[in-house]
């Protein structure tokens, strides 16, 4: 499979997952305004009035597609990291956050939310640092904005305040973070630094120089 197709897969998966979640939100049977309908509500076994949720299969399928697509996205982003430490951190934290994010559809929702959030923030902070080192300053600033919005959404959730805006803020954080990660995926490239003085070459894992694979040296 060509690299171009592989790079396109997470984009197509995310777009389709968003469309399915939008349909699930429109069809939601609970008595709640669309701005307050979260993914957790869509996937819950019961509606707010205690009756069974008949439409949870669609959002659970959409959540699975989204998490798989985002996990692949984190993996591809990790490949442009300039050091092994950055690459490993983005891989483990990013993919891990998506695994736990999908498990929020289980009865262990609150615990999975906490773990997924911790993994996600570690991955995002590492990507922001990577972008800063690559001198992609606008993307780095946008990443900081993602963190701020995410923390704002989470703070409202845990303090149970401003419930009328929390759902909308969660959706904003969700969409903004995803678009930002897609922008990083399409923009960031492996860095190649030639150290003439020391007679050595530093490249990201898997980069090619003169037709040969050169391992990372830092």
Protein backbone atom coordinates (compact mmCIF):
# COMPACT_ATOMS: atom_id res chain seq x y z
CA UNK A 1 0.00 0.00 0.00
CA UNK A 2 1.45 3.40 -1.00
CA UNK A 3 2.33 6.03 1.57
CA UNK A 4 -0.15 8.43 -0.01
CA UNK A 5 -3.05 6.03 0.59
CA UNK A 6 -1.90 5.34 4.16
CA UNK A 7 -1.78 9.09 4.87
CA UNK A 8 -5.30 9.49 3.51
CA UNK A 9 -6.90 6.68 5.56
CA UNK A 10 -7.10 8.55 8.91
CA UNK A 11 -8.52 11.65 7.21
CA UNK A 12 -11.29 9.65 5.53
CA UNK A 13 -11.96 7.73 8.75
CA UNK A 14 -12.28 10.89 10.84
CA UNK A 15 -14.62 12.57 8.34
CA UNK A 16 -16.87 9.50 8.16
CA UNK A 17 -16.89 9.10 11.96
CA UNK A 18 -17.88 12.74 12.42
CA UNK A 19 -20.72 12.31 9.92
CA UNK A 20 -22.00 9.22 11.74
CA UNK A 21 -21.84 10.97 15.12
CA UNK A 22 -23.76 13.91 13.67
CA UNK A 23 -26.46 11.54 12.43
CA UNK A 24 -26.55 9.79 15.83
CA UNK A 25 -26.93 13.17 17.56
CA UNK A 26 -29.83 14.11 15.25
CA UNK A 27 -31.55 10.77 15.92
CA UNK A 28 -30.94 10.79 19.69
CA UNK A 29 -34.09 9.74 21.55
CA UNK A 30 -33.31 11.49 24.83
CA UNK A 31 -34.99 14.73 25.83
CA UNK A 32 -31.96 16.99 25.53
CA UNK A 33 -30.91 19.87 23.31
CA UNK A 34 -28.39 18.86 20.67
CA UNK A 35 -25.71 21.11 22.24
CA UNK A 36 -25.90 19.02 25.43
CA UNK A 37 -25.79 15.67 23.68
CA UNK A 38 -22.28 14.27 24.17
CA UNK A 39 -20.67 11.10 22.86
CA UNK A 40 -21.07 9.62 26.33
CA UNK A 41 -24.83 10.17 26.21
CA UNK A 42 -25.06 8.73 22.71
CA UNK A 43 -23.26 5.55 23.75
CA UNK A 44 -24.93 5.14 27.15
CA UNK A 45 -27.09 2.07 27.76
CA UNK A 46 -29.93 4.23 29.12
CA UNK A 47 -31.50 7.55 28.24
CA UNK A 48 -31.66 10.34 30.86
CA UNK A 49 -35.20 9.22 31.82
CA UNK A 50 -33.96 5.71 32.61
CA UNK A 51 -35.37 3.92 29.56
CA UNK A 52 -33.20 1.83 27.27
CA UNK A 53 -31.21 3.66 24.60
CA UNK A 54 -32.24 2.08 21.27
CA UNK A 55 -29.77 3.98 19.09
CA UNK A 56 -26.43 3.35 20.79
CA UNK A 57 -25.10 0.93 18.14
CA UNK A 58 -24.48 3.70 15.59
CA UNK A 59 -22.50 6.05 17.88
CA UNK A 60 -20.47 3.14 19.31
CA UNK A 61 -19.53 2.11 15.76
CA UNK A 62 -18.69 5.73 14.93
CA UNK A 63 -16.59 6.03 18.09
CA UNK A 64 -14.67 2.87 17.20
CA UNK A 65 -13.98 4.20 13.69
CA UNK A 66 -12.90 7.55 15.11
CA UNK A 67 -10.56 6.04 17.70
CA UNK A 68 -8.93 3.70 15.17
CA UNK A 69 -8.47 6.58 12.70
CA UNK A 70 -7.04 8.87 15.38
CA UNK A 71 -4.70 6.12 16.64
CA UNK A 72 -3.33 5.77 13.09
CA UNK A 73 -3.05 9.55 12.92
CA UNK A 74 -0.92 9.65 16.08
CA UNK A 75 1.23 6.84 14.69
CA UNK A 76 1.85 8.74 11.43
CA UNK A 77 2.60 11.98 13.29
CA UNK A 78 5.10 10.15 15.48
CA UNK A 79 7.05 9.17 12.37
CA UNK A 80 8.06 12.78 11.70
CA UNK A 81 9.44 13.26 15.23
CA UNK A 82 13.11 14.23 15.40
CA UNK A 83 14.08 11.99 18.32
CA UNK A 84 13.27 8.48 19.46
CA UNK A 85 11.93 9.81 22.76
CA UNK A 86 9.45 12.10 21.02
CA UNK A 87 8.39 9.33 18.67
CA UNK A 88 7.84 6.80 21.46
CA UNK A 89 5.94 9.29 23.62
CA UNK A 90 3.58 10.30 20.81
CA UNK A 91 3.01 6.67 19.83
CA UNK A 92 2.33 5.34 23.32
CA UNK A 93 0.38 8.31 24.67
CA UNK A 94 -1.55 8.99 21.46
CA UNK A 95 -2.57 5.42 20.69
CA UNK A 96 -3.20 4.75 24.38
CA UNK A 97 -5.53 7.73 24.66
CA UNK A 98 -7.62 6.38 21.79
CA UNK A 99 -7.84 2.90 23.33
CA UNK A 100 -9.13 4.33 26.59
CA UNK A 101 -11.36 6.81 24.76
CA UNK A 102 -13.20 3.93 23.12
CA UNK A 103 -13.59 2.23 26.50
CA UNK A 104 -15.58 5.26 27.71
CA UNK A 105 -18.54 3.53 26.05
CA UNK A 106 -18.36 0.87 28.80
CA UNK A 107 -19.72 1.08 32.38
CA UNK A 108 -16.21 2.19 33.48
CA UNK A 109 -16.81 5.52 31.73
CA UNK A 110 -15.48 7.92 34.39
CA UNK A 111 -12.25 6.00 34.95
CA UNK A 112 -11.62 5.64 31.23
CA UNK A 113 -12.22 9.37 30.69
CA UNK A 114 -9.56 10.22 33.28
CA UNK A 115 -6.98 7.84 31.81
CA UNK A 116 -7.70 8.86 28.20
CA UNK A 117 -7.37 12.54 29.13
CA UNK A 118 -4.00 12.00 30.81
CA UNK A 119 -2.61 10.08 27.82
CA UNK A 120 -4.06 12.62 25.35
CA UNK A 121 -2.52 15.63 27.11
CA UNK A 122 0.91 13.96 27.21
CA UNK A 123 0.70 13.30 23.46
CA UNK A 124 -0.47 16.84 22.65
CA UNK A 125 2.21 18.51 24.79
CA UNK A 126 4.88 16.38 23.10
CA UNK A 127 3.57 17.27 19.63
CA UNK A 128 3.54 20.98 20.53
CA UNK A 129 7.17 20.73 21.66
CA UNK A 130 8.05 18.86 18.46
CA UNK A 131 6.43 21.60 16.37
CA UNK A 132 8.29 24.28 18.31
CA UNK A 133 11.60 22.55 17.60
CA UNK A 134 10.64 22.30 13.93
CA UNK A 135 9.83 26.04 13.96
CA UNK A 136 6.16 25.48 13.08
CA UNK A 137 5.22 28.22 15.51
CA UNK A 138 1.64 28.82 14.37
CA UNK A 139 0.81 25.13 14.68
CA UNK A 140 2.48 25.06 18.09
CA UNK A 141 0.35 27.99 19.26
CA UNK A 142 -2.76 26.28 17.90
CA UNK A 143 -1.75 23.19 19.87
CA UNK A 144 -1.55 25.25 23.06
CA UNK A 145 -5.05 26.54 22.28
CA UNK A 146 -6.21 22.91 21.98
CA UNK A 147 -4.85 22.20 25.45
CA UNK A 148 -6.54 25.28 26.94
CA UNK A 149 -9.92 24.46 25.39
CA UNK A 150 -9.65 20.82 26.47
CA UNK A 151 -8.82 21.77 30.06
CA UNK A 152 -11.66 24.30 30.07
CA UNK A 153 -14.13 21.65 28.90
CA UNK A 154 -12.87 19.14 31.47
CA UNK A 155 -13.02 21.67 34.31
CA UNK A 156 -16.69 22.37 33.59
CA UNK A 157 -17.37 18.62 33.49
CA UNK A 158 -15.73 17.89 36.84
CA UNK A 159 -17.16 20.93 38.63
CA UNK A 160 -20.60 20.37 37.11
CA UNK A 161 -20.94 24.07 36.31
CA UNK A 162 -22.29 25.85 33.25
CA UNK A 163 -23.89 22.64 32.07
CA UNK A 164 -25.72 24.55 29.37
CA UNK A 165 -22.44 25.35 27.60
CA UNK A 166 -20.37 22.29 28.52
CA UNK A 167 -21.72 20.15 25.68
CA UNK A 168 -20.95 22.83 23.13
CA UNK A 169 -17.46 23.38 24.55
CA UNK A 170 -16.78 19.65 24.44
CA UNK A 171 -17.75 19.56 20.75
CA UNK A 172 -15.57 22.62 20.06
CA UNK A 173 -12.59 20.97 21.79
CA UNK A 174 -13.26 17.71 19.96
CA UNK A 175 -13.42 19.31 16.51
CA UNK A 176 -10.61 21.83 17.02
CA UNK A 177 -8.19 19.20 18.35
CA UNK A 178 -8.95 16.83 15.48
CA UNK A 179 -8.53 19.51 12.81
CA UNK A 180 -5.25 20.58 14.44
CA UNK A 181 -3.91 17.02 14.45
CA UNK A 182 -4.87 16.64 10.80
CA UNK A 183 -3.04 19.90 10.01
CA UNK A 184 0.06 18.60 11.81
CA UNK A 185 -0.23 15.35 9.87
CA UNK A 186 -0.33 17.18 6.54
CA UNK A 187 2.31 19.80 7.37
CA UNK A 188 5.08 18.41 9.57
CA UNK A 189 8.00 16.65 7.88
CA UNK A 190 11.01 14.71 9.21
CA UNK A 191 13.90 16.99 10.05
CA UNK A 192 17.32 16.51 8.45
CA UNK A 193 20.27 18.21 10.12
CA UNK A 194 23.75 17.81 8.71
CA UNK A 195 26.46 18.38 11.29
CA UNK A 196 29.42 19.25 9.07
CA UNK A 197 31.79 19.87 11.97
CA UNK A 198 31.39 16.42 13.48
CA UNK A 199 31.03 14.73 10.13
CA UNK A 200 27.73 13.11 11.15
CA UNK A 201 24.15 13.25 9.97
CA UNK A 202 21.07 13.42 12.19
CA UNK A 203 17.75 12.39 10.70
CA UNK A 204 14.41 11.13 11.91
CA UNK A 205 13.80 7.39 12.03
CA UNK A 206 13.26 5.93 8.59
CA UNK A 207 14.53 8.98 6.62
CA UNK A 208 16.44 8.27 3.43
CA UNK A 209 19.77 9.80 2.45
CA UNK A 210 21.42 8.87 -0.84
CA UNK A 211 19.05 5.95 -1.21
CA UNK A 212 19.95 4.34 2.15
CA UNK A 213 18.03 4.04 5.38
CA UNK A 214 19.86 5.99 8.08
CA UNK A 215 19.01 5.32 11.77
CA UNK A 216 18.40 8.20 14.13
CA UNK A 217 21.49 9.38 15.93
CA UNK A 218 19.86 11.23 18.74
